[in-house]
């Protein structure tokens, strides 16, 4: 009985250690990923438009986050610079039938090593 408990504990700690190693590798990859946040002026009129644009942007390769502020008529998009760019983000929006104009682009990794 003691041997099976010790074996179970050993397996548990082995798995826990493997998960810690896997997590640290993904954190290292995140530090090397160049993340950009952009603001895009967009002529959305309804919650339906807002939801549609957010969904399409989130499905676009490289886009990590997308939020459309209906009152301000601004899309806030965070993306990986190595995969896409603000021009492609605007193309996605224009492809849905909306006007899109880049207002601002910010490097979210600025100052990080």
PDB file of N, CA and C in Angstrom:
ATOM      1  N   UNK A   1       0.820  -1.195   0.000  1.00  0.00           N
ATOM      2  CA  UNK A   1       0.000   0.000   0.000  1.00  0.00           C
ATOM      3  C   UNK A   1       0.865   1.260   0.000  1.00  0.00           C
ATOM      4  N   UNK A   2       1.904   1.267   0.852  1.00  0.00           N
ATOM      5  CA  UNK A   2       2.787   2.424   0.904  1.00  0.00           C
ATOM      6  C   UNK A   2       3.490   2.636  -0.430  1.00  0.00           C
ATOM      7  N   UNK A   3       3.858   1.533  -1.079  1.00  0.00           N
ATOM      8  CA  UNK A   3       4.560   1.633  -2.352  1.00  0.00           C
ATOM      9  C   UNK A   3       3.673   2.270  -3.425  1.00  0.00           C
ATOM     10  N   UNK A   4       2.377   1.920  -3.486  1.00  0.00           N
ATOM     11  CA  UNK A   4       1.480   2.505  -4.487  1.00  0.00           C
ATOM     12  C   UNK A   4       1.236   3.984  -4.212  1.00  0.00           C
ATOM     13  N   UNK A   5       1.176   4.353  -2.944  1.00  0.00           N
ATOM     14  CA  UNK A   5       1.004   5.775  -2.602  1.00  0.00           C
ATOM     15  C   UNK A   5       2.243   6.556  -3.025  1.00  0.00           C
ATOM     16  N   UNK A   6       3.419   6.021  -2.742  1.00  0.00           N
ATOM     17  CA  UNK A   6       4.656   6.694  -3.143  1.00  0.00           C
ATOM     18  C   UNK A   6       4.769   6.783  -4.660  1.00  0.00           C
ATOM     19  N   UNK A   7       4.357   5.749  -5.369  1.00  0.00           N
ATOM     20  CA  UNK A   7       4.367   5.769  -6.836  1.00  0.00           C
ATOM     21  C   UNK A   7       3.421   6.838  -7.355  1.00  0.00           C
ATOM     22  N   UNK A   8       2.238   6.923  -6.773  1.00  0.00           N
ATOM     23  CA  UNK A   8       1.253   7.926  -7.180  1.00  0.00           C
ATOM     24  C   UNK A   8       1.784   9.331  -6.940  1.00  0.00           C
ATOM     25  N   UNK A   9       2.408   9.532  -5.776  1.00  0.00           N
ATOM     26  CA  UNK A   9       2.979  10.850  -5.459  1.00  0.00           C
ATOM     27  C   UNK A   9       4.105  11.179  -6.435  1.00  0.00           C
ATOM     28  N   UNK A  10       4.944  10.180  -6.748  1.00  0.00           N
ATOM     29  CA  UNK A  10       6.035  10.400  -7.701  1.00  0.00           C
ATOM     30  C   UNK A  10       5.524  10.779  -9.076  1.00  0.00           C
ATOM     31  N   UNK A  11       4.490  10.100  -9.542  1.00  0.00           N
ATOM     32  CA  UNK A  11       3.892  10.422 -10.843  1.00  0.00           C
ATOM     33  C   UNK A  11       3.311  11.829 -10.818  1.00  0.00           C
ATOM     34  N   UNK A  12       2.648  12.187  -9.727  1.00  0.00           N
ATOM     35  CA  UNK A  12       2.057  13.520  -9.602  1.00  0.00           C
ATOM     36  C   UNK A  12       3.122  14.611  -9.721  1.00  0.00           C
ATOM     37  N   UNK A  13       4.232  14.450  -8.961  1.00  0.00           N
ATOM     38  CA  UNK A  13       5.290  15.453  -9.001  1.00  0.00           C
ATOM     39  C   UNK A  13       5.986  15.503 -10.358  1.00  0.00           C
ATOM     40  N   UNK A  14       6.113  14.378 -11.014  1.00  0.00           N
ATOM     41  CA  UNK A  14       6.703  14.347 -12.359  1.00  0.00           C
ATOM     42  C   UNK A  14       5.839  15.124 -13.335  1.00  0.00           C
ATOM     43  N   UNK A  15       4.521  14.900 -13.275  1.00  0.00           N
ATOM     44  CA  UNK A  15       3.608  15.640 -14.149  1.00  0.00           C
ATOM     45  C   UNK A  15       3.609  17.121 -13.819  1.00  0.00           C
ATOM     46  N   UNK A  16       3.611  17.454 -12.535  1.00  0.00           N
ATOM     47  CA  UNK A  16       3.619  18.864 -12.133  1.00  0.00           C
ATOM     48  C   UNK A  16       4.879  19.547 -12.648  1.00  0.00           C
ATOM     49  N   UNK A  17       6.013  18.887 -12.546  1.00  0.00           N
ATOM     50  CA  UNK A  17       7.271  19.445 -13.039  1.00  0.00           C
ATOM     51  C   UNK A  17       7.224  19.651 -14.551  1.00  0.00           C
ATOM     52  N   UNK A  18       6.629  18.696 -15.269  1.00  0.00           N
ATOM     53  CA  UNK A  18       6.508  18.816 -16.729  1.00  0.00           C
ATOM     54  C   UNK A  18       5.643  20.013 -17.099  1.00  0.00           C
ATOM     55  N   UNK A  19       4.555  20.233 -16.365  1.00  0.00           N
ATOM     56  CA  UNK A  19       3.691  21.390 -16.643  1.00  0.00           C
ATOM     57  C   UNK A  19       4.410  22.702 -16.360  1.00  0.00           C
ATOM     58  N   UNK A  20       5.214  22.740 -15.311  1.00  0.00           N
ATOM     59  CA  UNK A  20       5.975  23.951 -14.994  1.00  0.00           C
ATOM     60  C   UNK A  20       6.963  24.250 -16.114  1.00  0.00           C
ATOM     61  N   UNK A  21       7.655  23.226 -16.595  1.00  0.00           N
ATOM     62  CA  UNK A  21       8.597  23.428 -17.697  1.00  0.00           C
ATOM     63  C   UNK A  21       7.884  23.898 -18.960  1.00  0.00           C
ATOM     64  N   UNK A  22       6.755  23.309 -19.263  1.00  0.00           N
ATOM     65  CA  UNK A  22       5.996  23.704 -20.456  1.00  0.00           C
ATOM     66  C   UNK A  22       5.535  25.139 -20.328  1.00  0.00           C
ATOM     67  N   UNK A  23       5.100  25.531 -19.151  1.00  0.00           N
ATOM     68  CA  UNK A  23       4.647  26.905 -18.932  1.00  0.00           C
ATOM     69  C   UNK A  23       5.770  27.906 -19.056  1.00  0.00           C
ATOM     70  N   UNK A  24       6.962  27.572 -18.560  1.00  0.00           N
ATOM     71  CA  UNK A  24       8.083  28.505 -18.644  1.00  0.00           C
ATOM     72  C   UNK A  24       8.525  28.685 -20.088  1.00  0.00           C
ATOM     73  N   UNK A  25       8.415  27.639 -20.919  1.00  0.00           N
ATOM     74  CA  UNK A  25       8.770  27.771 -22.334  1.00  0.00           C
ATOM     75  C   UNK A  25       7.798  28.678 -23.055  1.00  0.00           C
ATOM     76  N   UNK A  26       6.511  28.599 -22.730  1.00  0.00           N
ATOM     77  CA  UNK A  26       5.544  29.474 -23.397  1.00  0.00           C
ATOM     78  C   UNK A  26       5.725  30.906 -22.954  1.00  0.00           C
ATOM     79  N   UNK A  27       6.144  31.124 -21.700  1.00  0.00           N
ATOM     80  CA  UNK A  27       6.411  32.484 -21.248  1.00  0.00           C
ATOM     81  C   UNK A  27       7.601  33.067 -21.974  1.00  0.00           C
ATOM     82  N   UNK A  28       8.613  32.257 -22.228  1.00  0.00           N
ATOM     83  CA  UNK A  28       9.775  32.731 -22.965  1.00  0.00           C
ATOM     84  C   UNK A  28       9.381  33.113 -24.380  1.00  0.00           C
ATOM     85  N   UNK A  29       8.497  32.341 -24.998  1.00  0.00           N
ATOM     86  CA  UNK A  29       8.042  32.662 -26.347  1.00  0.00           C
ATOM     87  C   UNK A  29       7.264  33.971 -26.346  1.00  0.00           C
ATOM     88  N   UNK A  30       6.449  34.195 -25.291  1.00  0.00           N
ATOM     89  CA  UNK A  30       5.676  35.435 -25.208  1.00  0.00           C
ATOM     90  C   UNK A  30       6.582  36.653 -25.101  1.00  0.00           C
ATOM     91  N   UNK A  31       7.711  36.537 -24.396  1.00  0.00           N
ATOM     92  CA  UNK A  31       8.631  37.662 -24.260  1.00  0.00           C
ATOM     93  C   UNK A  31       9.253  38.025 -25.600  1.00  0.00           C
ATOM     94  N   UNK A  32       9.429  37.048 -26.471  1.00  0.00           N
ATOM     95  CA  UNK A  32      10.040  37.296 -27.771  1.00  0.00           C
ATOM     96  C   UNK A  32       9.020  37.727 -28.821  1.00  0.00           C
ATOM     97  N   UNK A  33       7.738  37.624 -28.511  1.00  0.00           N
ATOM     98  CA  UNK A  33       6.699  38.000 -29.455  1.00  0.00           C
ATOM     99  C   UNK A  33       6.514  39.503 -29.422  1.00  0.00           C
ATOM    100  N   UNK A  34       6.614  40.132 -30.562  1.00  0.00           N
ATOM    101  CA  UNK A  34       6.419  41.577 -30.677  1.00  0.00           C
ATOM    102  C   UNK A  34       4.929  41.838 -30.772  1.00  0.00           C
ATOM    103  N   UNK A  35       4.376  42.486 -29.761  1.00  0.00           N
ATOM    104  CA  UNK A  35       2.949  42.736 -29.695  1.00  0.00           C
ATOM    105  C   UNK A  35       2.677  44.211 -29.969  1.00  0.00           C
ATOM    106  N   UNK A  36       1.742  44.459 -30.863  1.00  0.00           N
ATOM    107  CA  UNK A  36       1.375  45.819 -31.247  1.00  0.00           C
ATOM    108  C   UNK A  36      -0.100  46.033 -30.937  1.00  0.00           C
ATOM    109  N   UNK A  37      -0.417  47.215 -30.426  1.00  0.00           N
ATOM    110  CA  UNK A  37      -1.815  47.587 -30.212  1.00  0.00           C
ATOM    111  C   UNK A  37      -2.118  48.765 -31.136  1.00  0.00           C
ATOM    112  N   UNK A  38      -3.217  48.661 -31.850  1.00  0.00           N
ATOM    113  CA  UNK A  38      -3.582  49.777 -32.726  1.00  0.00           C
ATOM    114  C   UNK A  38      -5.023  50.209 -32.463  1.00  0.00           C
ATOM    115  N   UNK A  39      -5.264  51.462 -32.771  1.00  0.00           N
ATOM    116  CA  UNK A  39      -6.610  52.025 -32.697  1.00  0.00           C
ATOM    117  C   UNK A  39      -7.028  52.350 -34.124  1.00  0.00           C
ATOM    118  N   UNK A  40      -8.228  51.894 -34.487  1.00  0.00           N
ATOM    119  CA  UNK A  40      -8.725  52.117 -35.839  1.00  0.00           C
ATOM    120  C   UNK A  40     -10.093  52.771 -35.743  1.00  0.00           C
ATOM    121  N   UNK A  41     -10.244  53.895 -36.424  1.00  0.00           N
ATOM    122  CA  UNK A  41     -11.546  54.545 -36.505  1.00  0.00           C
ATOM    123  C   UNK A  41     -12.432  53.719 -37.432  1.00  0.00           C
ATOM    124  N   UNK A  42     -13.657  53.441 -36.983  1.00  0.00           N
ATOM    125  CA  UNK A  42     -14.547  52.573 -37.747  1.00  0.00           C
ATOM    126  C   UNK A  42     -15.975  53.104 -37.649  1.00  0.00           C
ATOM    127  N   UNK A  43     -16.710  53.039 -38.741  1.00  0.00           N
ATOM    128  CA  UNK A  43     -18.062  53.624 -38.785  1.00  0.00           C
ATOM    129  C   UNK A  43     -19.168  52.620 -38.432  1.00  0.00           C
ATOM    130  N   UNK A  44     -19.014  51.922 -37.287  1.00  0.00           N
ATOM    131  CA  UNK A  44     -20.043  50.968 -36.859  1.00  0.00           C
ATOM    132  C   UNK A  44     -21.259  51.724 -36.327  1.00  0.00           C
ATOM    133  N   UNK A  45     -22.444  51.123 -36.521  1.00  0.00           N
ATOM    134  CA  UNK A  45     -23.684  51.786 -36.112  1.00  0.00           C
ATOM    135  C   UNK A  45     -24.476  51.007 -35.067  1.00  0.00           C
ATOM    136  N   UNK A  46     -24.233  49.699 -34.958  1.00  0.00           N
ATOM    137  CA  UNK A  46     -25.085  48.881 -34.087  1.00  0.00           C
ATOM    138  C   UNK A  46     -24.253  47.826 -33.358  1.00  0.00           C
ATOM    139  N   UNK A  47     -24.891  47.196 -32.371  1.00  0.00           N
ATOM    140  CA  UNK A  47     -24.233  46.113 -31.653  1.00  0.00           C
ATOM    141  C   UNK A  47     -23.964  44.932 -32.586  1.00  0.00           C
ATOM    142  N   UNK A  48     -24.826  44.741 -33.563  1.00  0.00           N
ATOM    143  CA  UNK A  48     -24.614  43.672 -34.544  1.00  0.00           C
ATOM    144  C   UNK A  48     -23.312  43.927 -35.304  1.00  0.00           C
ATOM    145  N   UNK A  49     -23.127  45.176 -35.773  1.00  0.00           N
ATOM    146  CA  UNK A  49     -21.891  45.542 -36.479  1.00  0.00           C
ATOM    147  C   UNK A  49     -20.674  45.327 -35.583  1.00  0.00           C
ATOM    148  N   UNK A  50     -20.781  45.796 -34.341  1.00  0.00           N
ATOM    149  CA  UNK A  50     -19.696  45.679 -33.372  1.00  0.00           C
ATOM    150  C   UNK A  50     -19.293  44.218 -33.193  1.00  0.00           C
ATOM    151  N   UNK A  51     -20.280  43.362 -32.951  1.00  0.00           N
ATOM    152  CA  UNK A  51     -20.008  41.948 -32.722  1.00  0.00           C
ATOM    153  C   UNK A  51     -19.404  41.279 -33.950  1.00  0.00           C
ATOM    154  N   UNK A  52     -19.909  41.642 -35.126  1.00  0.00           N
ATOM    155  CA  UNK A  52     -19.415  41.058 -36.369  1.00  0.00           C
ATOM    156  C   UNK A  52     -17.948  41.436 -36.599  1.00  0.00           C
ATOM    157  N   UNK A  53     -17.617  42.705 -36.395  1.00  0.00           N
ATOM    158  CA  UNK A  53     -16.238  43.163 -36.605  1.00  0.00           C
ATOM    159  C   UNK A  53     -15.298  42.501 -35.599  1.00  0.00           C
ATOM    160  N   UNK A  54     -15.698  42.465 -34.332  1.00  0.00           N
ATOM    161  CA  UNK A  54     -14.868  41.828 -33.313  1.00  0.00           C
ATOM    162  C   UNK A  54     -14.609  40.357 -33.642  1.00  0.00           C
ATOM    163  N   UNK A  55     -15.652  39.663 -34.049  1.00  0.00           N
ATOM    164  CA  UNK A  55     -15.515  38.238 -34.371  1.00  0.00           C
ATOM    165  C   UNK A  55     -14.552  38.028 -35.541  1.00  0.00           C
ATOM    166  N   UNK A  56     -14.700  38.814 -36.600  1.00  0.00           N
ATOM    167  CA  UNK A  56     -13.829  38.660 -37.773  1.00  0.00           C
ATOM    168  C   UNK A  56     -12.380  39.005 -37.446  1.00  0.00           C
ATOM    169  N   UNK A  57     -12.186  40.048 -36.644  1.00  0.00           N
ATOM    170  CA  UNK A  57     -10.824  40.421 -36.273  1.00  0.00           C
ATOM    171  C   UNK A  57     -10.177  39.335 -35.418  1.00  0.00           C
ATOM    172  N   UNK A  58     -10.921  38.788 -34.469  1.00  0.00           N
ATOM    173  CA  UNK A  58     -10.377  37.745 -33.600  1.00  0.00           C
ATOM    174  C   UNK A  58     -10.043  36.482 -34.379  1.00  0.00           C
ATOM    175  N   UNK A  59     -10.735  36.243 -35.488  1.00  0.00           N
ATOM    176  CA  UNK A  59     -10.465  35.073 -36.325  1.00  0.00           C
ATOM    177  C   UNK A  59      -9.306  35.294 -37.295  1.00  0.00           C
ATOM    178  N   UNK A  60      -8.848  36.531 -37.432  1.00  0.00           N
ATOM    179  CA  UNK A  60      -7.741  36.865 -38.332  1.00  0.00           C
ATOM    180  C   UNK A  60      -6.429  36.399 -37.704  1.00  0.00           C
ATOM    181  N   UNK A  61      -5.581  35.739 -38.511  1.00  0.00           N
ATOM    182  CA  UNK A  61      -4.296  35.238 -38.017  1.00  0.00           C
ATOM    183  C   UNK A  61      -3.463  36.363 -37.412  1.00  0.00           C
ATOM    184  N   UNK A  62      -2.950  36.116 -36.219  1.00  0.00           N
ATOM    185  CA  UNK A  62      -2.081  37.075 -35.552  1.00  0.00           C
ATOM    186  C   UNK A  62      -2.790  38.008 -34.592  1.00  0.00           C
ATOM    187  N   UNK A  63      -4.103  38.154 -34.722  1.00  0.00           N
ATOM    188  CA  UNK A  63      -4.846  39.044 -33.827  1.00  0.00           C
ATOM    189  C   UNK A  63      -5.060  38.327 -32.501  1.00  0.00           C
ATOM    190  N   UNK A  64      -4.634  38.962 -31.433  1.00  0.00           N
ATOM    191  CA  UNK A  64      -4.736  38.384 -30.099  1.00  0.00           C
ATOM    192  C   UNK A  64      -5.981  38.887 -29.362  1.00  0.00           C
ATOM    193  N   UNK A  65      -6.303  40.159 -29.546  1.00  0.00           N
ATOM    194  CA  UNK A  65      -7.463  40.763 -28.897  1.00  0.00           C
ATOM    195  C   UNK A  65      -8.089  41.758 -29.862  1.00  0.00           C
ATOM    196  N   UNK A  66      -9.411  41.891 -29.763  1.00  0.00           N
ATOM    197  CA  UNK A  66     -10.114  42.889 -30.563  1.00  0.00           C
ATOM    198  C   UNK A  66     -11.339  43.352 -29.792  1.00  0.00           C
ATOM    199  N   UNK A  67     -11.485  44.664 -29.682  1.00  0.00           N
ATOM    200  CA  UNK A  67     -12.638  45.248 -29.002  1.00  0.00           C
ATOM    201  C   UNK A  67     -13.064  46.477 -29.782  1.00  0.00           C
ATOM    202  N   UNK A  68     -14.358  46.590 -30.056  1.00  0.00           N
ATOM    203  CA  UNK A  68     -14.891  47.756 -30.749  1.00  0.00           C
ATOM    204  C   UNK A  68     -15.730  48.552 -29.769  1.00  0.00           C
ATOM    205  N   UNK A  69     -15.363  49.813 -29.585  1.00  0.00           N
ATOM    206  CA  UNK A  69     -16.140  50.715 -28.733  1.00  0.00           C
ATOM    207  C   UNK A  69     -17.173  51.393 -29.620  1.00  0.00           C
ATOM    208  N   UNK A  70     -18.426  51.047 -29.395  1.00  0.00           N
ATOM    209  CA  UNK A  70     -19.507  51.526 -30.247  1.00  0.00           C
ATOM    210  C   UNK A  70     -19.722  53.035 -30.102  1.00  0.00           C
ATOM    211  N   UNK A  71     -19.567  53.563 -28.884  1.00  0.00           N
ATOM    212  CA  UNK A  71     -19.757  55.000 -28.660  1.00  0.00           C
ATOM    213  C   UNK A  71     -18.655  55.826 -29.306  1.00  0.00           C
ATOM    214  N   UNK A  72     -17.406  55.399 -29.123  1.00  0.00           N
ATOM    215  CA  UNK A  72     -16.271  56.135 -29.689  1.00  0.00           C
ATOM    216  C   UNK A  72     -16.032  55.821 -31.160  1.00  0.00           C
ATOM    217  N   UNK A  73     -16.619  54.685 -31.626  1.00  0.00           N
ATOM    218  CA  UNK A  73     -16.416  54.205 -32.997  1.00  0.00           C
ATOM    219  C   UNK A  73     -14.936  53.953 -33.277  1.00  0.00           C
ATOM    220  N   UNK A  74     -14.322  53.238 -32.313  1.00  0.00           N
ATOM    221  CA  UNK A  74     -12.907  52.885 -32.414  1.00  0.00           C
ATOM    222  C   UNK A  74     -12.748  51.392 -32.134  1.00  0.00           C
ATOM    223  N   UNK A  75     -11.955  50.742 -32.979  1.00  0.00           N
ATOM    224  CA  UNK A  75     -11.583  49.344 -32.756  1.00  0.00           C
ATOM    225  C   UNK A  75     -10.203  49.328 -32.122  1.00  0.00           C
ATOM    226  N   UNK A  76     -10.089  48.637 -31.005  1.00  0.00           N
ATOM    227  CA  UNK A  76      -8.816  48.447 -30.318  1.00  0.00           C
ATOM    228  C   UNK A  76      -8.360  47.023 -30.625  1.00  0.00           C
ATOM    229  N   UNK A  77      -7.229  46.895 -31.307  1.00  0.00           N
ATOM    230  CA  UNK A  77      -6.778  45.584 -31.769  1.00  0.00           C
ATOM    231  C   UNK A  77      -5.338  45.354 -31.325  1.00  0.00           C
ATOM    232  N   UNK A  78      -5.096  44.189 -30.735  1.00  0.00           N
ATOM    233  CA  UNK A  78      -3.751  43.776 -30.348  1.00  0.00           C
ATOM    234  C   UNK A  78      -3.366  42.595 -31.230  1.00  0.00           C
ATOM    235  N   UNK A  79      -2.187  42.702 -31.844  1.00  0.00           N
ATOM    236  CA  UNK A  79      -1.764  41.644 -32.769  1.00  0.00           C
ATOM    237  C   UNK A  79      -0.275  41.389 -32.663  1.00  0.00           C
ATOM    238  N   UNK A  80       0.144  40.235 -33.203  1.00  0.00           N
ATOM    239  CA  UNK A  80       1.560  39.877 -33.271  1.00  0.00           C
ATOM    240  C   UNK A  80       2.147  40.462 -34.550  1.00  0.00           C
ATOM    241  N   UNK A  81       3.170  41.263 -34.389  1.00  0.00           N
ATOM    242  CA  UNK A  81       3.777  41.956 -35.529  1.00  0.00           C
ATOM    243  C   UNK A  81       4.363  40.997 -36.559  1.00  0.00           C
ATOM    244  N   UNK A  82       4.830  39.840 -36.119  1.00  0.00           N
ATOM    245  CA  UNK A  82       5.445  38.890 -37.053  1.00  0.00           C
ATOM    246  C   UNK A  82       4.412  38.179 -37.924  1.00  0.00           C
ATOM    247  N   UNK A  83       3.131  38.277 -37.557  1.00  0.00           N
ATOM    248  CA  UNK A  83       2.084  37.555 -38.283  1.00  0.00           C
ATOM    249  C   UNK A  83       1.234  38.485 -39.138  1.00  0.00           C
ATOM    250  N   UNK A  84       0.906  39.656 -38.644  1.00  0.00           N
ATOM    251  CA  UNK A  84       0.046  40.582 -39.386  1.00  0.00           C
ATOM    252  C   UNK A  84       0.470  42.015 -39.104  1.00  0.00           C
ATOM    253  N   UNK A  85      -0.267  42.967 -39.640  1.00  0.00           N
ATOM    254  CA  UNK A  85       0.036  44.381 -39.395  1.00  0.00           C
ATOM    255  C   UNK A  85      -1.249  45.205 -39.422  1.00  0.00           C
ATOM    256  N   UNK A  86      -1.126  46.491 -39.125  1.00  0.00           N
ATOM    257  CA  UNK A  86      -2.306  47.352 -39.040  1.00  0.00           C
ATOM    258  C   UNK A  86      -3.005  47.507 -40.392  1.00  0.00           C
ATOM    259  N   UNK A  87      -2.246  47.429 -41.468  1.00  0.00           N
ATOM    260  CA  UNK A  87      -2.848  47.519 -42.801  1.00  0.00           C
ATOM    261  C   UNK A  87      -3.798  46.336 -43.033  1.00  0.00           C
ATOM    262  N   UNK A  88      -3.371  45.147 -42.632  1.00  0.00           N
ATOM    263  CA  UNK A  88      -4.233  43.965 -42.769  1.00  0.00           C
ATOM    264  C   UNK A  88      -5.457  44.052 -41.871  1.00  0.00           C
ATOM    265  N   UNK A  89      -5.282  44.619 -40.676  1.00  0.00           N
ATOM    266  CA  UNK A  89      -6.418  44.812 -39.764  1.00  0.00           C
ATOM    267  C   UNK A  89      -7.457  45.711 -40.431  1.00  0.00           C
ATOM    268  N   UNK A  90      -7.000  46.800 -41.035  1.00  0.00           N
ATOM    269  CA  UNK A  90      -7.915  47.714 -41.737  1.00  0.00           C
ATOM    270  C   UNK A  90      -8.574  47.023 -42.933  1.00  0.00           C
ATOM    271  N   UNK A  91      -7.834  46.160 -43.628  1.00  0.00           N
ATOM    272  CA  UNK A  91      -8.406  45.423 -44.762  1.00  0.00           C
ATOM    273  C   UNK A  91      -9.524  44.495 -44.322  1.00  0.00           C
ATOM    274  N   UNK A  92      -9.352  43.859 -43.167  1.00  0.00           N
ATOM    275  CA  UNK A  92     -10.411  42.985 -42.638  1.00  0.00           C
ATOM    276  C   UNK A  92     -11.674  43.803 -42.391  1.00  0.00           C
ATOM    277  N   UNK A  93     -11.508  44.957 -41.770  1.00  0.00           N
ATOM    278  CA  UNK A  93     -12.658  45.823 -41.460  1.00  0.00           C
ATOM    279  C   UNK A  93     -13.309  46.321 -42.748  1.00  0.00           C
ATOM    280  N   UNK A  94     -12.505  46.774 -43.698  1.00  0.00           N
ATOM    281  CA  UNK A  94     -13.042  47.261 -44.965  1.00  0.00           C
ATOM    282  C   UNK A  94     -13.727  46.148 -45.743  1.00  0.00           C
ATOM    283  N   UNK A  95     -13.215  44.935 -45.620  1.00  0.00           N
ATOM    284  CA  UNK A  95     -13.829  43.792 -46.274  1.00  0.00           C
ATOM    285  C   UNK A  95     -15.228  43.497 -45.767  1.00  0.00           C
ATOM    286  N   UNK A  96     -15.535  43.986 -44.574  1.00  0.00           N
ATOM    287  CA  UNK A  96     -16.876  43.820 -43.998  1.00  0.00           C
ATOM    288  C   UNK A  96     -17.813  44.966 -44.397  1.00  0.00           C
ATOM    289  N   UNK A  97     -17.278  45.935 -45.146  1.00  0.00           N
ATOM    290  CA  UNK A  97     -18.105  47.039 -45.638  1.00  0.00           C
ATOM    291  C   UNK A  97     -18.054  48.303 -44.808  1.00  0.00           C
ATOM    292  N   UNK A  98     -17.068  48.420 -43.936  1.00  0.00           N
ATOM    293  CA  UNK A  98     -16.942  49.606 -43.087  1.00  0.00           C
ATOM    294  C   UNK A  98     -15.719  50.418 -43.484  1.00  0.00           C
ATOM    295  N   UNK A  99     -15.785  51.703 -43.225  1.00  0.00           N
ATOM    296  CA  UNK A  99     -14.608  52.551 -43.390  1.00  0.00           C
ATOM    297  C   UNK A  99     -13.680  52.267 -42.216  1.00  0.00           C
ATOM    298  N   UNK A 100     -12.381  52.279 -42.476  1.00  0.00           N
ATOM    299  CA  UNK A 100     -11.403  52.027 -41.416  1.00  0.00           C
ATOM    300  C   UNK A 100     -10.192  52.922 -41.637  1.00  0.00           C
ATOM    301  N   UNK A 101      -9.816  53.645 -40.577  1.00  0.00           N
ATOM    302  CA  UNK A 101      -8.660  54.536 -40.665  1.00  0.00           C
ATOM    303  C   UNK A 101      -7.804  54.337 -39.419  1.00  0.00           C
ATOM    304  N   UNK A 102      -6.523  54.028 -39.628  1.00  0.00           N
ATOM    305  CA  UNK A 102      -5.603  53.837 -38.521  1.00  0.00           C
ATOM    306  C   UNK A 102      -5.391  55.162 -37.801  1.00  0.00           C
ATOM    307  N   UNK A 103      -5.619  55.168 -36.485  1.00  0.00           N
ATOM    308  CA  UNK A 103      -5.434  56.375 -35.683  1.00  0.00           C
ATOM    309  C   UNK A 103      -4.108  56.361 -34.926  1.00  0.00           C
ATOM    310  N   UNK A 104      -3.764  55.188 -34.408  1.00  0.00           N
ATOM    311  CA  UNK A 104      -2.582  55.090 -33.554  1.00  0.00           C
ATOM    312  C   UNK A 104      -2.080  53.652 -33.513  1.00  0.00           C
ATOM    313  N   UNK A 105      -0.770  53.528 -33.365  1.00  0.00           N
ATOM    314  CA  UNK A 105      -0.157  52.208 -33.273  1.00  0.00           C
ATOM    315  C   UNK A 105       0.900  52.267 -32.170  1.00  0.00           C
ATOM    316  N   UNK A 106       0.851  51.318 -31.227  1.00  0.00           N
ATOM    317  CA  UNK A 106       1.752  51.335 -30.076  1.00  0.00           C
ATOM    318  C   UNK A 106       2.399  49.978 -29.898  1.00  0.00           C
ATOM    319  N   UNK A 107       3.708  49.981 -29.681  1.00  0.00           N
ATOM    320  CA  UNK A 107       4.447  48.758 -29.391  1.00  0.00           C
ATOM    321  C   UNK A 107       4.244  48.436 -27.918  1.00  0.00           C
ATOM    322  N   UNK A 108       3.542  47.332 -27.618  1.00  0.00           N
ATOM    323  CA  UNK A 108       3.273  46.968 -26.228  1.00  0.00           C
ATOM    324  C   UNK A 108       4.489  46.377 -25.535  1.00  0.00           C
ATOM    325  N   UNK A 109       5.531  46.030 -26.270  1.00  0.00           N
ATOM    326  CA  UNK A 109       6.744  45.472 -25.689  1.00  0.00           C
ATOM    327  C   UNK A 109       7.784  46.550 -25.413  1.00  0.00           C
ATOM    328  N   UNK A 110       7.450  47.800 -25.625  1.00  0.00           N
ATOM    329  CA  UNK A 110       8.405  48.889 -25.473  1.00  0.00           C
ATOM    330  C   UNK A 110       9.020  48.863 -24.081  1.00  0.00           C
ATOM    331  N   UNK A 111      10.321  48.807 -24.013  1.00  0.00           N
ATOM    332  CA  UNK A 111      11.016  48.811 -22.749  1.00  0.00           C
ATOM    333  C   UNK A 111      11.187  47.445 -22.102  1.00  0.00           C
ATOM    334  N   UNK A 112      10.582  46.401 -22.669  1.00  0.00           N
ATOM    335  CA  UNK A 112      10.717  45.057 -22.115  1.00  0.00           C
ATOM    336  C   UNK A 112      11.888  44.345 -22.768  1.00  0.00           C
ATOM    337  N   UNK A 113      12.511  43.467 -22.013  1.00  0.00           N
ATOM    338  CA  UNK A 113      13.632  42.695 -22.570  1.00  0.00           C
ATOM    339  C   UNK A 113      13.213  41.274 -22.779  1.00  0.00           C
TER     340      UNK A 113
END
